[in-house]
Structure formats: C-alpha cells, structure tokens
Amino acid sequence: MIVRRFMHWARTAGAAQRAEAAAALARVYLITDLDPAEHEEAELALTGLLDDPSPLVRRALAEVFASAPNAPHHLVLGLADDQSDVSSIILGRSPVLSDSDLIDCAAIGDAIAQSAIALRPNVSPAVAAALAEVGAREALISLAINPGAEVPEFSLRRMVERFGADGEMREALLMRPGLPTALRADLVAAMADALRAFVIEREWMSGERAQRVTRDACEQARVIIAATSEEGENGAAALIAHLRACGQLTASLLLRALLSGNASLLEAALTELSGLPPLRVKGLTRDWRGSGFAALYRRAGLPDALLPAFRAAIEALSNGEVGDTSGASLSRQRVERVLTACKAENTGELDSLLAVLRRFAAEAARDEARQFSAALPDRMEGVERLVASEEIPALPLPEEPPLRLSDEEVAEAAPAGITIDLAAIEAELAAA
C-alpha cells in the first residue's frame, strides 16, 4: 500500500523530491524484510523509475545499488546502460555485474563508462582484454594505472600497438609493476619513433642523423632494461627472442651489452641464434679464446669481422676491470681496451667497427662526466662543512694598503659646484 501511494505521489513531485524518495525506497528494498507482496511492488516501482525523465532520480538509484550485492540484476543492468554520469557509478563498483556484462557495456560505452570499468577494484583478464581491443585512450590509461587489473601480456602489447605514440599511455604502462621486459623495449622503441618524427618535422636534425641517434638510444635503453629486469636471465632470454622476431637484434647491441658488463644478454643471444642449450653456451663463452667459442659465434650468424671485438670485450669483462658493475652503462675502461685490441688487428676491414667503438668511448666519457657532476655538490657540501668546523683553516687574505688620493685627484674627482638660489625658489612658489 505504501509503495502504491509512493507511485501516485511521484507523478506530481519535483525531480529533487523524486530522487530523494527513490533513494529511500531503494534502501528500504535492500535492508528491510518486506512481505512477498510488498517486495514485489517495491521492485516494480524501482524498475519503473528506470524510465524517469530526470537523471537525478536514476543517479540516486545508482548510488544506492552500486555496492549492494543483493541488488536486482535487471535494475543494475538497466542503470549500467544509462547515460555516462549514471552508468559509471554502477560500472565502477557493482558486484552484481558479471564479466560478460562488463564486456558488453565496454563495447557500447563511451570513454567515461569504459574508464569506470577499467578502474574497478578488480578487473579480470577477460575484461581487460576486451578493453584493450575496443577501449578509448582514456580508458586504457586508467586500465594501465589500476593495480587491481589483471592485464595479460598480449593485451598490454595490444595497448602499445594502438596508443604507443601517446606519451601519457607510455608513462602509465612504464609505471605498471611487473611489466614484461620485452614490452618495456617496445615502449622505448615507440617513444624513439615519436621523438624522431618530431625532430625531423621541426627540421632540427636530418633524417639520417635522427635515425642513428634514436637507434643508439634504443640500444642503450635495451641494455638498461635487461640489466634492471626483475626477471633475471629469463627476462634477457625473452627480450632477445622478441628482438629477433622484430628484426631488431643486432651485433652492435650485443657488443654494447658486453662493454656494459652484461654477459647474460650475449649468452641469451647465442642460445637463441645457435639453438644450443644454455649451459653449453655458457661453457663455450667462458673459453672465449678457444675454437669452440669461434664455432659458436659463427653458428649464431654473427659477423666474422667482429669476433676480435667480442673476444676482447669478454676478456675485459672476465678480468674484472674497473667500471660500472650494474651492467646498465658502458665502461670506459672496457671500451678503450677493446678499441686498442681492434686497432692492433685492423688491416682496413675493421674501420666501421672502430668508428662504432669510438662513439661508445665518447658516450662512456660523457656518462662518466655526468656522474662526476652529479656527485660534485655532495663533495662541495662536505668541504664547506669542514671549513665551518675549522678542521680546515681559512686562508687569510693579504692586506691591501688604504686608498690615498692627492688633493689634485680629489679636486678632479669632485663634482662641479652646484649652487641653489633659495630666494628665487620662494619667489617662484609665491607667484604660483
């Protein structure tokens, strides 16, 4: 009886009053033990409110039903299909919606509705895959930053394929914990492509120079990614397999990795290219002077002309020469060692290799200078603290004789005499 009076009253009430009453009726429906007849009437009344012309009413229903596990499925689904400011409330929280419901809503929803789905506390792999295929840019950024979203690797790759040129998308993906090593390399390549296109469009560099700069930057980034990967040797193997499939696995990258102290990347590449077991490859690489390593190197299809450089780099690494031990940046000492060895064996065919090694040496020198500059403020602060504590006495300044001027110099330096006629000024003011 109460429900019927509510429905009769709602015909003439204002939108704000209807919204408040609808929310109250929805709460009564959820938490009160109504008899079967009243329960059915209340559900019918609430269902009728889905057609209310005011979004205030439908939004009030969405706010009440959004977190209710016992909300009627048809009511929740009806609100999920409403306009975005109503549907996003339901899509973002309702436990009643199944994966199939969410996938269907993502397919027909706009960016706001898709973002609400992407930001749910838990997003299943199926829903994440659907969003990766049809979601708008804003929705995929939301999906990338959501720690509760289980996004499969193929869906992450699909997101890169669709919006890899977008800087915000790349940043959101790179901030995601547990991002696969190969996917990080793809994001770096996408960023390099965007930067290359930008500088060429602005005519800041020639196409050839921009191509070489971005290629070197990508190789440097891949070495850093491999060295800092949480996946360890598995990450290096996955990265090598991916680069080989994409046609981006180069001898220059492997030589850079060795000169940075990262032997695992070379071993993973030799394993991938030769087809031999990893343990066998490790054993042959340790005996880098022998014919077995030369046979492994040639079986992997690497250039014969670069074999001396790889042997010198492995020797420098095996000797534990001073340099960066993180495996993420070039060691100037290793580069110079390899450069000296290659110069000794060069009869003309290693000229291009020497040019690459000289670029490596210049890059390593600049990195060393940056590290020195970064540490310099700390060192200066230490010196200032020592001076302040009087552990290092301040040096006295030499006394300078006082400045003395002759009378003639004083006269020349003095300004010309200025006289002020006060009587004339008073007369002028009086006349005014």
Protein backbone atom coordinates (compact mmCIF):
# COMPACT_ATOMS: atom_id res chain seq x y z
CA MET A 1 0.00 0.00 0.00
CA ILE A 2 2.86 2.35 0.86
CA VAL A 3 4.56 1.62 -2.46
CA ARG A 4 1.37 2.41 -4.37
CA ARG A 5 0.99 5.73 -2.57
CA PHE A 6 4.63 6.49 -3.44
CA MET A 7 4.00 5.78 -7.12
CA HIS A 8 0.91 8.00 -7.10
CA TRP A 9 2.80 10.81 -5.33
CA ALA A 10 5.76 10.56 -7.71
CA ARG A 11 3.58 11.56 -10.66
CA THR A 12 3.40 15.19 -9.46
CA ALA A 13 6.52 15.57 -7.28
CA GLY A 14 9.57 17.54 -8.42
CA ALA A 15 12.77 15.89 -9.68
CA ALA A 16 14.77 16.53 -6.50
CA GLN A 17 11.94 15.19 -4.31
CA ARG A 18 11.57 12.11 -6.51
CA ALA A 19 15.30 11.45 -6.35
CA GLU A 20 15.29 11.61 -2.54
CA ALA A 21 12.25 9.37 -2.28
CA ALA A 22 13.67 6.89 -4.83
CA ALA A 23 16.87 6.56 -2.80
CA ALA A 24 14.83 5.96 0.36
CA LEU A 25 12.69 3.32 -1.35
CA ALA A 26 15.79 1.58 -2.71
CA ARG A 27 17.35 1.43 0.77
CA VAL A 28 14.14 0.04 2.24
CA TYR A 29 14.07 -2.58 -0.51
CA LEU A 30 17.65 -3.68 0.26
CA ILE A 31 17.69 -3.74 4.06
CA THR A 32 14.08 -4.29 5.16
CA ASP A 33 12.33 -7.66 5.37
CA LEU A 34 9.24 -6.87 3.31
CA ASP A 35 6.50 -9.41 2.85
CA PRO A 36 6.47 -11.01 -0.63
CA ALA A 37 3.71 -8.76 -1.98
CA GLU A 38 5.36 -5.52 -0.80
CA HIS A 39 8.74 -6.77 -2.01
CA GLU A 40 7.35 -7.38 -5.48
CA GLU A 41 5.59 -4.00 -5.57
CA ALA A 42 8.74 -2.20 -4.45
CA GLU A 43 10.76 -3.91 -7.18
CA LEU A 44 8.16 -2.93 -9.78
CA ALA A 45 8.24 0.67 -8.57
CA LEU A 46 12.03 0.79 -8.69
CA THR A 47 12.03 -0.74 -12.15
CA GLY A 48 9.59 1.92 -13.30
CA LEU A 49 11.96 4.61 -12.07
CA LEU A 50 14.49 3.48 -14.68
CA ASP A 51 12.28 5.39 -17.14
CA ASP A 52 12.12 8.54 -15.02
CA PRO A 53 12.85 11.55 -17.23
CA SER A 54 15.20 13.11 -14.67
CA PRO A 55 18.78 11.75 -14.45
CA LEU A 56 18.77 12.87 -10.79
CA VAL A 57 16.38 10.05 -9.97
CA ARG A 58 18.31 7.41 -11.85
CA ARG A 59 21.58 8.62 -10.37
CA ALA A 60 20.09 8.36 -6.85
CA LEU A 61 19.19 4.73 -7.59
CA ALA A 62 22.69 4.06 -8.92
CA GLU A 63 24.30 5.45 -5.76
CA VAL A 64 22.24 3.08 -3.58
CA PHE A 65 22.56 -0.04 -5.74
CA ALA A 66 26.22 0.40 -6.77
CA SER A 67 27.76 -1.51 -3.86
CA ALA A 68 24.83 -3.78 -3.00
CA PRO A 69 25.45 -7.47 -3.69
CA ASN A 70 21.71 -8.22 -3.38
CA ALA A 71 20.57 -5.58 -5.88
CA PRO A 72 18.28 -6.96 -8.62
CA HIS A 73 20.34 -7.81 -11.67
CA HIS A 74 17.91 -6.27 -14.15
CA LEU A 75 17.90 -2.99 -12.21
CA VAL A 76 21.68 -2.86 -12.10
CA LEU A 77 21.97 -3.73 -15.76
CA GLY A 78 19.41 -1.07 -16.69
CA LEU A 79 21.39 1.57 -14.80
CA ALA A 80 24.63 0.32 -16.39
CA ASP A 81 23.14 1.05 -19.81
CA ASP A 82 22.13 4.59 -18.82
CA GLN A 83 23.96 7.80 -19.68
CA SER A 84 27.56 8.01 -18.51
CA ASP A 85 27.12 10.02 -15.32
CA VAL A 86 24.67 7.35 -14.13
CA SER A 87 26.21 4.21 -15.60
CA SER A 88 29.75 5.00 -14.45
CA ILE A 89 28.63 4.73 -10.80
CA ILE A 90 27.32 1.20 -11.36
CA LEU A 91 30.06 0.08 -13.74
CA GLY A 92 32.79 1.14 -11.36
CA ARG A 93 31.54 -0.70 -8.25
CA SER A 94 28.65 -3.11 -8.67
CA PRO A 95 29.48 -6.71 -7.66
CA VAL A 96 26.34 -7.91 -9.43
CA LEU A 97 27.72 -7.36 -12.94
CA SER A 98 29.44 -10.40 -14.46
CA ASP A 99 32.42 -10.33 -16.81
CA SER A 100 30.11 -10.79 -19.79
CA ASP A 101 28.00 -7.83 -18.62
CA LEU A 102 31.08 -5.65 -18.28
CA ILE A 103 32.44 -6.69 -21.67
CA ASP A 104 29.12 -5.87 -23.30
CA CYS A 105 28.96 -2.48 -21.56
CA ALA A 106 32.54 -1.73 -22.59
CA ALA A 107 31.69 -2.44 -26.22
CA ILE A 108 28.84 0.09 -26.34
CA GLY A 109 30.03 2.59 -23.70
CA ASP A 110 31.89 5.84 -24.17
CA ALA A 111 35.27 6.74 -22.67
CA ILE A 112 33.74 7.62 -19.28
CA ALA A 113 31.91 4.31 -18.95
CA GLN A 114 34.94 2.33 -20.15
CA SER A 115 37.19 4.17 -17.68
CA ALA A 116 34.81 3.28 -14.85
CA ILE A 117 35.13 -0.39 -15.79
CA ALA A 118 38.91 -0.09 -16.10
CA LEU A 119 39.17 1.39 -12.58
CA ARG A 120 37.12 -1.28 -10.80
CA PRO A 121 38.90 -2.70 -7.73
CA ASN A 122 39.36 -5.98 -9.60
CA VAL A 123 39.43 -6.32 -13.37
CA SER A 124 39.62 -9.86 -14.76
CA PRO A 125 41.91 -10.78 -17.68
CA ALA A 126 38.86 -11.23 -19.96
CA VAL A 127 37.52 -7.75 -19.24
CA ALA A 128 41.00 -6.24 -19.56
CA ALA A 129 41.48 -7.94 -22.93
CA ALA A 130 38.15 -6.57 -24.16
CA LEU A 131 39.07 -3.05 -23.07
CA ALA A 132 42.47 -3.35 -24.75
CA GLU A 133 40.71 -4.10 -28.04
CA VAL A 134 37.87 -1.54 -28.02
CA GLY A 135 38.66 0.89 -25.20
CA ALA A 136 39.26 4.58 -25.73
CA ARG A 137 42.64 6.13 -24.93
CA GLU A 138 41.47 7.44 -21.54
CA ALA A 139 40.07 4.05 -20.59
CA LEU A 140 43.32 2.25 -21.42
CA ILE A 141 45.36 4.75 -19.40
CA SER A 142 43.01 4.06 -16.49
CA LEU A 143 43.47 0.32 -17.01
CA ALA A 144 47.26 0.69 -17.06
CA ILE A 145 47.42 2.56 -13.75
CA ASN A 146 44.98 0.23 -11.95
CA PRO A 147 46.97 -2.17 -9.72
CA GLY A 148 43.89 -4.38 -9.37
CA ALA A 149 43.64 -5.03 -13.12
CA GLU A 150 44.98 -8.39 -14.36
CA VAL A 151 46.08 -7.44 -17.85
CA PRO A 152 47.52 -10.27 -19.98
CA GLU A 153 50.77 -9.61 -21.81
CA PHE A 154 49.12 -9.84 -25.23
CA SER A 155 46.62 -7.17 -24.12
CA LEU A 156 49.42 -4.92 -22.92
CA ARG A 157 51.07 -5.34 -26.30
CA ARG A 158 47.78 -4.51 -28.00
CA MET A 159 47.59 -1.31 -25.95
CA VAL A 160 51.07 -0.38 -27.16
CA GLU A 161 50.09 -1.12 -30.77
CA ARG A 162 47.04 1.12 -30.54
CA PHE A 163 48.34 4.02 -28.46
CA GLY A 164 52.10 3.58 -28.22
CA ALA A 165 52.62 7.01 -29.80
CA ASP A 166 50.80 8.66 -26.90
CA GLY A 167 53.13 9.91 -24.18
CA GLU A 168 50.63 9.53 -21.32
CA MET A 169 49.92 5.95 -22.33
CA ARG A 170 53.62 5.09 -22.38
CA GLU A 171 54.14 6.69 -18.98
CA ALA A 172 51.19 4.84 -17.47
CA LEU A 173 52.42 1.50 -18.80
CA LEU A 174 56.01 2.07 -17.69
CA MET A 175 54.80 2.80 -14.15
CA ARG A 176 52.97 -0.52 -14.05
CA PRO A 177 54.77 -3.05 -11.79
CA GLY A 178 55.84 -6.34 -13.31
CA LEU A 179 55.80 -5.06 -16.87
CA PRO A 180 57.47 -7.68 -19.13
CA THR A 181 60.97 -6.84 -20.31
CA ALA A 182 60.12 -7.17 -24.00
CA LEU A 183 57.19 -4.80 -23.61
CA ARG A 184 59.40 -2.19 -21.97
CA ALA A 185 61.64 -2.39 -25.01
CA ASP A 186 58.63 -1.85 -27.28
CA LEU A 187 57.62 1.24 -25.31
CA VAL A 188 61.13 2.64 -25.68
CA ALA A 189 61.00 2.00 -29.43
CA ALA A 190 57.61 3.72 -29.67
CA MET A 191 58.96 6.74 -27.79
CA ALA A 192 62.03 6.86 -30.04
CA ASP A 193 59.84 6.78 -33.15
CA ALA A 194 57.73 9.65 -31.82
CA LEU A 195 60.81 11.73 -30.98
CA ARG A 196 62.43 11.03 -34.33
CA ALA A 197 59.31 12.09 -36.21
CA PHE A 198 59.09 15.25 -34.09
CA VAL A 199 62.68 16.42 -34.63
CA ILE A 200 62.52 15.66 -38.34
CA GLU A 201 59.26 17.57 -38.66
CA ARG A 202 60.85 20.57 -36.90
CA GLU A 203 63.94 20.19 -39.11
CA TRP A 204 66.19 20.10 -36.06
CA MET A 205 68.10 17.10 -37.47
CA SER A 206 68.46 15.37 -40.77
CA GLY A 207 66.61 12.10 -41.17
CA GLU A 208 69.84 10.09 -41.20
CA ARG A 209 71.20 11.70 -38.04
CA ALA A 210 67.90 11.35 -36.21
CA GLN A 211 67.77 7.69 -37.25
CA ARG A 212 71.23 6.99 -35.81
CA VAL A 213 70.61 8.92 -32.60
CA THR A 214 67.37 7.09 -31.90
CA ARG A 215 68.89 3.72 -32.81
CA ASP A 216 71.77 4.24 -30.38
CA ALA A 217 69.34 5.43 -27.70
CA CYS A 218 67.15 2.37 -28.20
CA GLU A 219 70.11 0.02 -27.90
CA GLN A 220 71.27 1.79 -24.75
CA ALA A 221 67.77 1.54 -23.28
CA ARG A 222 67.52 -2.17 -24.11
CA VAL A 223 70.76 -2.88 -22.28
CA ILE A 224 69.50 -0.94 -19.26
CA ILE A 225 66.17 -2.80 -19.38
CA ALA A 226 67.92 -6.16 -19.48
CA ALA A 227 70.25 -5.19 -16.63
CA THR A 228 67.46 -3.91 -14.38
CA SER A 229 64.84 -6.54 -15.22
CA GLU A 230 63.30 -8.36 -12.26
CA GLU A 231 63.03 -11.45 -14.46
CA GLY A 232 66.80 -12.01 -14.48
CA GLU A 233 68.09 -14.39 -17.15
CA ASN A 234 64.54 -15.24 -18.18
CA GLY A 235 63.97 -11.57 -18.93
CA ALA A 236 67.13 -11.42 -21.04
CA ALA A 237 66.06 -14.51 -23.00
CA ALA A 238 62.56 -13.09 -23.55
CA LEU A 239 63.99 -9.77 -24.72
CA ILE A 240 66.38 -11.45 -27.15
CA ALA A 241 63.64 -13.65 -28.59
CA HIS A 242 61.38 -10.64 -29.03
CA LEU A 243 64.08 -8.52 -30.67
CA ARG A 244 64.93 -11.36 -33.03
CA ALA A 245 61.28 -11.75 -34.02
CA CYS A 246 61.06 -8.00 -34.66
CA GLY A 247 64.31 -7.91 -36.65
CA GLN A 248 65.95 -5.60 -34.09
CA LEU A 249 68.63 -7.94 -32.72
CA THR A 250 71.99 -6.52 -33.83
CA ALA A 251 75.64 -7.27 -33.18
CA SER A 252 76.05 -3.67 -32.03
CA LEU A 253 73.51 -4.25 -29.25
CA LEU A 254 75.32 -7.38 -28.06
CA LEU A 255 78.70 -5.66 -28.12
CA ARG A 256 77.25 -2.74 -26.17
CA ALA A 257 75.87 -5.18 -23.60
CA LEU A 258 79.29 -6.79 -23.14
CA LEU A 259 81.02 -3.43 -22.81
CA SER A 260 78.44 -2.53 -20.18
CA GLY A 261 79.27 -5.66 -18.20
CA ASN A 262 76.13 -7.61 -19.14
CA ALA A 263 77.29 -11.02 -20.37
CA SER A 264 73.87 -12.64 -19.89
CA LEU A 265 72.46 -10.75 -22.87
CA LEU A 266 75.18 -12.16 -25.16
CA GLU A 267 74.68 -15.67 -23.78
CA ALA A 268 70.93 -15.41 -24.31
CA ALA A 269 71.51 -14.23 -27.89
CA LEU A 270 73.96 -17.06 -28.66
CA THR A 271 71.49 -19.56 -27.20
CA GLU A 272 68.62 -18.14 -29.23
CA LEU A 273 70.59 -17.90 -32.50
CA SER A 274 72.56 -21.17 -32.28
CA GLY A 275 69.85 -23.43 -30.83
CA LEU A 276 72.31 -24.91 -28.33
CA PRO A 277 71.41 -25.46 -24.64
CA PRO A 278 72.15 -22.52 -22.31
CA LEU A 279 74.67 -24.48 -20.22
CA ARG A 280 76.62 -25.46 -23.34
CA VAL A 281 76.66 -21.83 -24.48
CA LYS A 282 77.90 -20.67 -21.07
CA GLY A 283 80.74 -23.18 -21.14
CA LEU A 284 81.87 -22.19 -24.64
CA THR A 285 81.65 -18.48 -23.78
CA ARG A 286 83.89 -18.92 -20.74
CA ASP A 287 86.53 -20.44 -23.06
CA TRP A 288 86.39 -17.41 -25.34
CA ARG A 289 89.95 -17.95 -26.60
CA GLY A 290 89.23 -21.43 -27.97
CA SER A 291 87.93 -22.60 -31.33
CA GLY A 292 84.71 -23.76 -29.67
CA PHE A 293 83.64 -20.18 -29.00
CA ALA A 294 84.56 -19.18 -32.56
CA ALA A 295 82.40 -22.03 -33.88
CA LEU A 296 79.51 -21.00 -31.61
CA TYR A 297 79.89 -17.39 -32.72
CA ARG A 298 79.75 -18.33 -36.40
CA ARG A 299 76.86 -20.74 -35.85
CA ALA A 300 74.92 -17.84 -34.38
CA GLY A 301 75.43 -15.95 -37.64
CA LEU A 302 77.34 -13.03 -36.14
CA PRO A 303 79.82 -11.14 -38.41
CA ASP A 304 83.30 -12.68 -38.55
CA ALA A 305 84.91 -9.24 -38.59
CA LEU A 306 83.56 -8.51 -35.12
CA LEU A 307 84.92 -11.68 -33.49
CA PRO A 308 88.11 -9.94 -32.20
CA ALA A 309 86.00 -7.22 -30.60
CA PHE A 310 83.77 -9.74 -28.83
CA ARG A 311 86.80 -11.71 -27.60
CA ALA A 312 88.46 -8.54 -26.28
CA ALA A 313 85.22 -7.47 -24.59
CA ILE A 314 84.77 -10.86 -22.90
CA GLU A 315 88.41 -10.78 -21.80
CA ALA A 316 87.96 -7.30 -20.29
CA LEU A 317 84.83 -8.45 -18.51
CA SER A 318 86.47 -11.68 -17.30
CA ASN A 319 89.41 -9.77 -15.85
CA GLY A 320 87.05 -7.76 -13.68
CA GLU A 321 88.35 -4.41 -14.89
CA VAL A 322 87.17 -1.29 -13.09
CA GLY A 323 83.91 0.10 -14.38
CA ASP A 324 80.21 0.20 -13.83
CA THR A 325 79.13 -3.10 -12.27
CA SER A 326 75.39 -2.64 -12.82
CA GLY A 327 75.55 -3.78 -16.43
CA ALA A 328 73.48 -0.76 -17.44
CA SER A 329 76.05 1.65 -18.87
CA LEU A 330 79.23 1.48 -20.90
CA SER A 331 82.54 1.11 -19.10
CA ARG A 332 85.11 3.50 -20.49
CA GLN A 333 87.96 1.19 -19.49
CA ARG A 334 86.43 -1.78 -21.31
CA VAL A 335 85.73 0.24 -24.42
CA GLU A 336 89.31 1.54 -24.55
CA ARG A 337 90.65 -1.99 -24.03
CA VAL A 338 88.60 -3.33 -26.94
CA LEU A 339 89.43 -0.31 -29.09
CA THR A 340 93.17 -0.88 -28.55
CA ALA A 341 92.87 -4.59 -29.37
CA CYS A 342 90.94 -3.93 -32.58
CA LYS A 343 93.34 -1.23 -33.71
CA ALA A 344 96.19 -3.73 -33.39
CA GLU A 345 94.43 -6.24 -35.67
CA ASN A 346 92.94 -3.79 -38.14
CA THR A 347 94.03 -4.05 -41.73
CA GLY A 348 91.18 -2.00 -43.10
CA GLU A 349 88.18 -4.28 -42.60
CA LEU A 350 87.57 -3.07 -39.04
CA ASP A 351 87.24 0.63 -39.86
CA SER A 352 83.47 0.69 -39.38
CA LEU A 353 83.83 -1.22 -36.09
CA LEU A 354 86.43 1.26 -34.87
CA ALA A 355 84.03 4.10 -35.65
CA VAL A 356 81.35 2.42 -33.52
CA LEU A 357 83.81 1.83 -30.68
CA ARG A 358 84.90 5.47 -30.77
CA ARG A 359 81.26 6.52 -30.41
CA PHE A 360 80.98 4.11 -27.48
CA ALA A 361 84.11 5.66 -25.93
CA ALA A 362 82.70 9.18 -26.33
CA GLU A 363 79.40 8.09 -24.80
CA ALA A 364 81.16 6.42 -21.87
CA ALA A 365 83.26 9.53 -21.27
CA ARG A 366 80.17 11.73 -21.19
CA ASP A 367 78.42 9.35 -18.79
CA GLU A 368 81.47 9.46 -16.54
CA ALA A 369 81.44 13.26 -16.61
CA ARG A 370 77.72 13.34 -15.75
CA GLN A 371 78.27 11.03 -12.79
CA PHE A 372 81.13 13.22 -11.59
CA SER A 373 79.00 16.36 -11.90
CA ALA A 374 76.11 14.70 -10.08
CA ALA A 375 78.38 13.81 -7.16
CA LEU A 376 80.07 17.20 -7.09
CA PRO A 377 77.51 19.08 -4.91
CA ASP A 378 77.84 16.46 -2.18
CA ARG A 379 81.59 16.81 -2.24
CA MET A 380 81.40 20.61 -2.04
CA GLU A 381 78.97 20.40 0.88
CA GLY A 382 81.50 18.21 2.65
CA VAL A 383 84.24 20.78 2.08
CA GLU A 384 82.02 23.58 3.38
CA ARG A 385 81.26 21.55 6.50
CA LEU A 386 84.97 21.04 7.10
CA VAL A 387 85.67 24.75 6.73
CA ALA A 388 82.79 25.60 9.06
CA SER A 389 84.11 23.20 11.69
CA GLU A 390 87.59 24.83 11.43
CA GLU A 391 89.16 21.48 10.58
CA ILE A 392 90.48 23.27 7.52
CA PRO A 393 91.58 26.77 8.49
CA ALA A 394 90.54 29.55 6.18
CA LEU A 395 93.48 31.21 4.40
CA PRO A 396 94.00 34.86 5.42
CA LEU A 397 93.63 37.41 2.66
CA PRO A 398 96.59 39.77 2.06
CA GLU A 399 96.13 43.21 3.50
CA GLU A 400 95.72 45.96 0.93
CA PRO A 401 97.11 49.45 1.57
CA PRO A 402 94.44 52.10 2.19
CA LEU A 403 93.42 54.18 -0.77
CA ARG A 404 95.03 57.62 -0.67
CA LEU A 405 94.29 60.41 -3.17
CA SER A 406 96.20 63.58 -3.70
CA ASP A 407 94.49 66.95 -3.42
CA GLU A 408 94.57 67.33 -7.21
CA GLU A 409 92.92 63.90 -7.68
CA VAL A 410 90.26 64.82 -5.12
CA ALA A 411 89.55 68.04 -6.94
CA GLU A 412 89.29 66.27 -10.31
CA ALA A 413 87.00 63.60 -8.84
CA ALA A 414 84.73 66.08 -7.08
CA PRO A 415 81.61 67.11 -9.00
CA ALA A 416 81.27 70.61 -10.29
CA GLY A 417 79.95 73.02 -7.73
CA ILE A 418 76.16 73.29 -7.58
CA THR A 419 74.51 76.37 -6.05
CA ILE A 420 70.85 76.66 -5.11
CA ASP A 421 69.14 80.08 -5.02
CA LEU A 422 66.56 79.58 -2.24
CA ALA A 423 65.20 83.13 -2.54
CA ALA A 424 64.42 82.62 -6.21
CA ILE A 425 62.60 79.36 -5.49
CA GLU A 426 60.47 81.00 -2.75
CA ALA A 427 59.56 83.89 -5.07
CA GLU A 428 58.55 81.44 -7.80
CA LEU A 429 56.34 79.47 -5.39
CA ALA A 430 54.70 82.67 -4.09
CA ALA A 431 53.90 83.81 -7.62
CA ALA A 432 52.29 80.42 -8.38
